[in-house]
């Protein structure tokens, strides 16, 4: 699990930095619009929209921008129609990758993703080539310095979590839930004042590919390039990179 934990934490910190520059607003706006279109504009009855609103608030998106994005999704305001597309492929060292996109131009997006993968020593694959290696899960990371293991485990498991992992050489606890139980577990932690480093619905790999040296550097650059693409919403990969390598990047 350490590979997922390290990248999820790094990504979360990077998103916080990007948010200060307003860089993430485009991605969040798309997600708000699509979520509202698919499930309606009421967050109480639309978990996907509720999650998108939380991300918007974390990024300090202006309330007016948030409101307009939702209204475009519900049809109250005119807006662009976005299509959800999932690409699968491989990164350096044979790492399996799933790339979720929202786009108003499928041809542009597939060309961009193919180019980024090729340039990053990766390759596009066929649909289904790697998705079987991942499971959708609720995923929460808590710093060991802010929580007692037994108390945290009690809260999480009582709220419906599937598992809580604590590796001796890792700085964080990892809490895994079924997607349907994610909000219950997160809510229970919030109610107890537990600060979460990462909380998300994600695609978790069943196995990991350990990377070092040049391949590790290439993989991090590829992840950054894919996540910087305006049409990319989420990137999942089954790499594990040692702490010292990740820190040097």
Protein backbone atom coordinates (compact mmCIF):
# COMPACT_ATOMS: atom_id res chain seq x y z
CA UNK A 1 0.00 0.00 0.00
CA UNK A 2 2.95 2.32 0.46
CA UNK A 3 3.15 3.19 -3.23
CA UNK A 4 -0.40 4.47 -3.25
CA UNK A 5 0.03 6.36 0.01
CA UNK A 6 3.16 8.19 -1.09
CA UNK A 7 1.75 9.36 -4.39
CA UNK A 8 -1.68 10.23 -3.00
CA UNK A 9 -0.07 12.43 -0.34
CA UNK A 10 2.30 14.04 -2.86
CA UNK A 11 -0.57 14.69 -5.27
CA UNK A 12 -2.68 16.23 -2.51
CA UNK A 13 0.11 18.64 -1.56
CA UNK A 14 0.72 19.50 -5.21
CA UNK A 15 -2.99 20.19 -5.69
CA UNK A 16 -2.91 22.60 -2.76
CA UNK A 17 -0.06 24.50 -4.43
CA UNK A 18 -1.79 24.47 -7.81
CA UNK A 19 -4.99 25.72 -6.18
CA UNK A 20 -3.22 28.87 -5.08
CA UNK A 21 -2.55 29.63 -8.73
CA UNK A 22 -6.11 28.83 -9.73
CA UNK A 23 -4.75 26.02 -11.88
CA UNK A 24 -7.23 23.42 -10.68
CA UNK A 25 -10.32 25.55 -11.29
CA UNK A 26 -10.76 24.26 -14.86
CA UNK A 27 -10.83 20.63 -13.74
CA UNK A 28 -13.16 21.30 -10.82
CA UNK A 29 -15.51 23.36 -13.01
CA UNK A 30 -15.84 20.46 -15.45
CA UNK A 31 -16.49 17.99 -12.64
CA UNK A 32 -19.14 20.25 -11.06
CA UNK A 33 -20.91 20.64 -14.40
CA UNK A 34 -20.88 16.94 -15.26
CA UNK A 35 -21.89 15.89 -11.73
CA UNK A 36 -24.84 18.31 -11.77
CA UNK A 37 -25.88 17.16 -15.25
CA UNK A 38 -25.86 13.48 -14.28
CA UNK A 39 -27.28 13.67 -10.77
CA UNK A 40 -28.99 17.04 -10.39
CA UNK A 41 -27.98 20.26 -8.67
CA UNK A 42 -28.81 19.27 -5.08
CA UNK A 43 -25.63 18.03 -3.33
CA UNK A 44 -27.68 16.32 -0.60
CA UNK A 45 -28.95 13.83 -3.15
CA UNK A 46 -25.89 13.79 -5.39
CA UNK A 47 -22.72 12.37 -3.75
CA UNK A 48 -20.57 13.09 -6.80
CA UNK A 49 -21.60 16.74 -6.78
CA UNK A 50 -21.08 16.93 -3.01
CA UNK A 51 -17.50 15.68 -3.44
CA UNK A 52 -16.87 18.16 -6.25
CA UNK A 53 -18.15 21.03 -4.10
CA UNK A 54 -15.79 19.98 -1.31
CA UNK A 55 -12.87 20.07 -3.77
CA UNK A 56 -13.97 23.50 -4.98
CA UNK A 57 -14.03 24.84 -1.43
CA UNK A 58 -10.62 23.32 -0.65
CA UNK A 59 -9.24 25.10 -3.71
CA UNK A 60 -10.88 28.39 -2.62
CA UNK A 61 -12.92 28.59 -5.81
CA UNK A 62 -15.14 31.71 -5.74
CA UNK A 63 -18.73 30.87 -4.82
CA UNK A 64 -20.04 32.52 -7.98
CA UNK A 65 -17.83 30.30 -10.17
CA UNK A 66 -19.05 27.23 -8.30
CA UNK A 67 -22.69 28.24 -8.69
CA UNK A 68 -22.34 28.93 -12.44
CA UNK A 69 -20.66 25.56 -13.05
CA UNK A 70 -23.56 23.76 -11.38
CA UNK A 71 -26.16 25.82 -13.25
CA UNK A 72 -24.51 24.92 -16.55
CA UNK A 73 -24.85 21.28 -15.61
CA UNK A 74 -28.52 21.57 -14.69
CA UNK A 75 -29.27 23.56 -17.84
CA UNK A 76 -30.11 26.81 -16.04
CA UNK A 77 -27.24 28.43 -17.94
CA UNK A 78 -25.86 27.56 -21.38
CA UNK A 79 -22.61 25.63 -21.31
CA UNK A 80 -20.24 23.22 -22.98
CA UNK A 81 -21.15 19.52 -23.15
CA UNK A 82 -18.40 17.32 -21.72
CA UNK A 83 -17.88 13.64 -22.43
CA UNK A 84 -16.37 11.24 -19.92
CA UNK A 85 -13.63 9.04 -21.39
CA UNK A 86 -11.32 6.50 -19.74
CA UNK A 87 -8.02 5.56 -21.34
CA UNK A 88 -5.80 2.66 -20.29
CA UNK A 89 -2.13 2.19 -20.93
CA UNK A 90 1.34 1.59 -19.62
CA UNK A 91 4.10 3.71 -18.13
CA UNK A 92 7.84 3.12 -17.69
CA UNK A 93 8.70 -0.35 -16.39
CA UNK A 94 5.32 -1.74 -17.46
CA UNK A 95 3.35 0.25 -14.88
CA UNK A 96 -0.42 -0.07 -15.42
CA UNK A 97 -2.28 3.23 -15.85
CA UNK A 98 -5.90 4.40 -15.93
CA UNK A 99 -6.54 7.97 -17.13
CA UNK A 100 -9.96 9.54 -16.58
CA UNK A 101 -10.82 12.54 -18.77
CA UNK A 102 -13.62 15.04 -19.28
CA UNK A 103 -13.52 16.64 -22.71
CA UNK A 104 -15.49 18.65 -25.24
CA UNK A 105 -13.29 17.32 -28.06
CA UNK A 106 -12.56 13.59 -27.99
CA UNK A 107 -10.16 13.68 -30.96
CA UNK A 108 -8.02 16.37 -29.34
CA UNK A 109 -7.92 14.58 -26.02
CA UNK A 110 -6.95 11.14 -27.33
CA UNK A 111 -4.17 12.75 -29.40
CA UNK A 112 -2.90 14.70 -26.37
CA UNK A 113 -2.95 11.66 -24.04
CA UNK A 114 -1.26 9.44 -26.64
CA UNK A 115 1.46 12.07 -27.17
CA UNK A 116 2.10 12.52 -23.43
CA UNK A 117 2.34 8.77 -22.89
CA UNK A 118 4.68 8.29 -25.84
CA UNK A 119 6.92 11.18 -24.79
CA UNK A 120 7.04 9.79 -21.24
CA UNK A 121 8.21 6.31 -22.27
CA UNK A 122 4.68 4.92 -21.99
CA UNK A 123 2.06 3.67 -24.43
CA UNK A 124 -1.70 3.71 -24.94
CA UNK A 125 -3.42 0.34 -24.49
CA UNK A 126 -6.74 -1.21 -25.44
CA UNK A 127 -9.83 -0.76 -23.27
CA UNK A 128 -9.74 -3.33 -20.49
CA UNK A 129 -6.03 -4.03 -20.73
CA UNK A 130 -5.27 -2.91 -17.16
CA UNK A 131 -8.58 -1.98 -15.48
CA UNK A 132 -8.92 -5.52 -14.09
CA UNK A 133 -5.87 -4.79 -11.93
CA UNK A 134 -7.67 -2.01 -10.01
CA UNK A 135 -10.61 -1.84 -7.58
CA UNK A 136 -12.62 1.29 -6.74
CA UNK A 137 -12.25 2.10 -3.06
CA UNK A 138 -12.71 4.89 -0.57
CA UNK A 139 -9.24 5.91 0.61
CA UNK A 140 -8.29 8.02 3.63
CA UNK A 141 -4.80 8.88 4.89
CA UNK A 142 -4.19 10.09 8.45
CA UNK A 143 -0.82 11.24 9.82
CA UNK A 144 0.32 8.99 12.66
CA UNK A 145 1.37 12.06 14.62
CA UNK A 146 -2.23 13.27 15.01
CA UNK A 147 -4.07 10.06 15.89
CA UNK A 148 -3.90 7.10 18.25
CA UNK A 149 -3.94 3.85 16.27
CA UNK A 150 -6.43 1.94 18.42
CA UNK A 151 -8.84 4.87 18.69
CA UNK A 152 -8.62 5.61 14.96
CA UNK A 153 -9.19 1.96 14.07
CA UNK A 154 -12.21 1.83 16.34
CA UNK A 155 -13.78 4.90 14.76
CA UNK A 156 -13.09 3.73 11.22
CA UNK A 157 -14.23 0.11 11.61
CA UNK A 158 -17.35 1.07 13.58
CA UNK A 159 -18.30 3.42 10.73
CA UNK A 160 -17.94 0.66 8.15
CA UNK A 161 -14.32 0.74 6.96
CA UNK A 162 -12.99 -2.47 5.40
CA UNK A 163 -9.47 -2.17 6.75
CA UNK A 164 -6.88 0.11 8.32
CA UNK A 165 -3.20 -0.38 7.55
CA UNK A 166 -0.22 0.78 9.57
CA UNK A 167 3.23 -0.07 8.25
CA UNK A 168 6.06 0.43 10.81
CA UNK A 169 8.22 2.47 8.43
CA UNK A 170 5.37 4.59 7.04
CA UNK A 171 4.33 7.97 8.54
CA UNK A 172 0.61 7.50 7.84
CA UNK A 173 -2.35 5.26 8.59
CA UNK A 174 -4.33 4.14 5.54
CA UNK A 175 -8.07 3.51 5.83
CA UNK A 176 -9.81 1.55 3.07
CA UNK A 177 -13.58 1.51 2.53
CA UNK A 178 -16.10 0.26 0.01
CA UNK A 179 -17.26 3.23 -2.11
CA UNK A 180 -20.73 3.09 -0.53
CA UNK A 181 -19.27 3.38 2.99
CA UNK A 182 -16.73 6.12 2.25
CA UNK A 183 -18.89 9.07 3.30
CA UNK A 184 -19.96 7.37 6.54
CA UNK A 185 -16.35 6.71 7.51
CA UNK A 186 -15.18 10.18 6.51
CA UNK A 187 -18.08 11.74 8.42
CA UNK A 188 -17.23 9.75 11.54
CA UNK A 189 -13.62 10.95 11.41
CA UNK A 190 -14.69 14.56 10.89
CA UNK A 191 -17.08 14.28 13.86
CA UNK A 192 -14.17 13.15 16.04
CA UNK A 193 -11.94 15.98 14.84
CA UNK A 194 -9.51 13.71 12.98
CA UNK A 195 -7.51 15.61 10.38
CA UNK A 196 -7.14 13.73 7.08
CA UNK A 197 -4.16 14.18 4.78
CA UNK A 198 -6.03 12.57 1.88
CA UNK A 199 -9.69 11.56 1.49
CA UNK A 200 -11.02 10.40 -1.87
CA UNK A 201 -12.73 7.75 -3.95
CA UNK A 202 -9.93 6.20 -5.96
CA UNK A 203 -8.88 3.21 -8.06
CA UNK A 204 -6.52 1.08 -5.98
CA UNK A 205 -4.11 -1.38 -7.60
CA UNK A 206 -4.07 -5.01 -6.49
CA UNK A 207 -0.31 -5.23 -7.08
CA UNK A 208 2.54 -2.74 -7.47
CA UNK A 209 5.55 -2.35 -9.75
CA UNK A 210 8.62 -1.09 -7.87
CA UNK A 211 10.58 1.54 -9.78
CA UNK A 212 14.02 3.00 -9.09
CA UNK A 213 16.52 5.16 -10.95
CA UNK A 214 15.66 6.47 -14.40
CA UNK A 215 12.31 4.66 -14.64
CA UNK A 216 11.17 6.20 -11.33
CA UNK A 217 12.08 9.68 -12.57
CA UNK A 218 10.32 9.07 -15.89
CA UNK A 219 7.20 7.84 -14.08
CA UNK A 220 6.91 10.92 -11.87
CA UNK A 221 7.39 13.21 -14.87
CA UNK A 222 4.75 11.26 -16.80
CA UNK A 223 2.24 11.52 -13.95
CA UNK A 224 2.85 15.25 -13.69
CA UNK A 225 2.43 15.72 -17.45
CA UNK A 226 -0.82 13.75 -17.53
CA UNK A 227 -2.28 15.55 -14.51
CA UNK A 228 -1.30 18.93 -16.00
CA UNK A 229 -3.38 18.17 -19.11
CA UNK A 230 -6.59 20.25 -18.93
CA UNK A 231 -8.77 17.32 -20.04
CA UNK A 232 -7.41 14.90 -17.42
CA UNK A 233 -9.40 14.53 -14.21
CA UNK A 234 -7.68 11.58 -12.50
CA UNK A 235 -4.67 9.35 -13.15
CA UNK A 236 -4.22 6.00 -11.40
CA UNK A 237 -1.09 3.84 -11.63
CA UNK A 238 0.37 0.84 -9.81
CA UNK A 239 3.93 2.07 -9.25
CA UNK A 240 5.84 2.04 -5.98
CA UNK A 241 8.75 4.46 -5.71
CA UNK A 242 11.08 4.52 -2.66
CA UNK A 243 10.68 7.46 -0.27
CA UNK A 244 14.18 8.78 -0.90
CA UNK A 245 13.60 8.82 -4.66
CA UNK A 246 10.24 10.58 -4.32
CA UNK A 247 11.71 13.17 -1.93
CA UNK A 248 14.50 14.00 -4.38
CA UNK A 249 11.88 14.87 -6.97
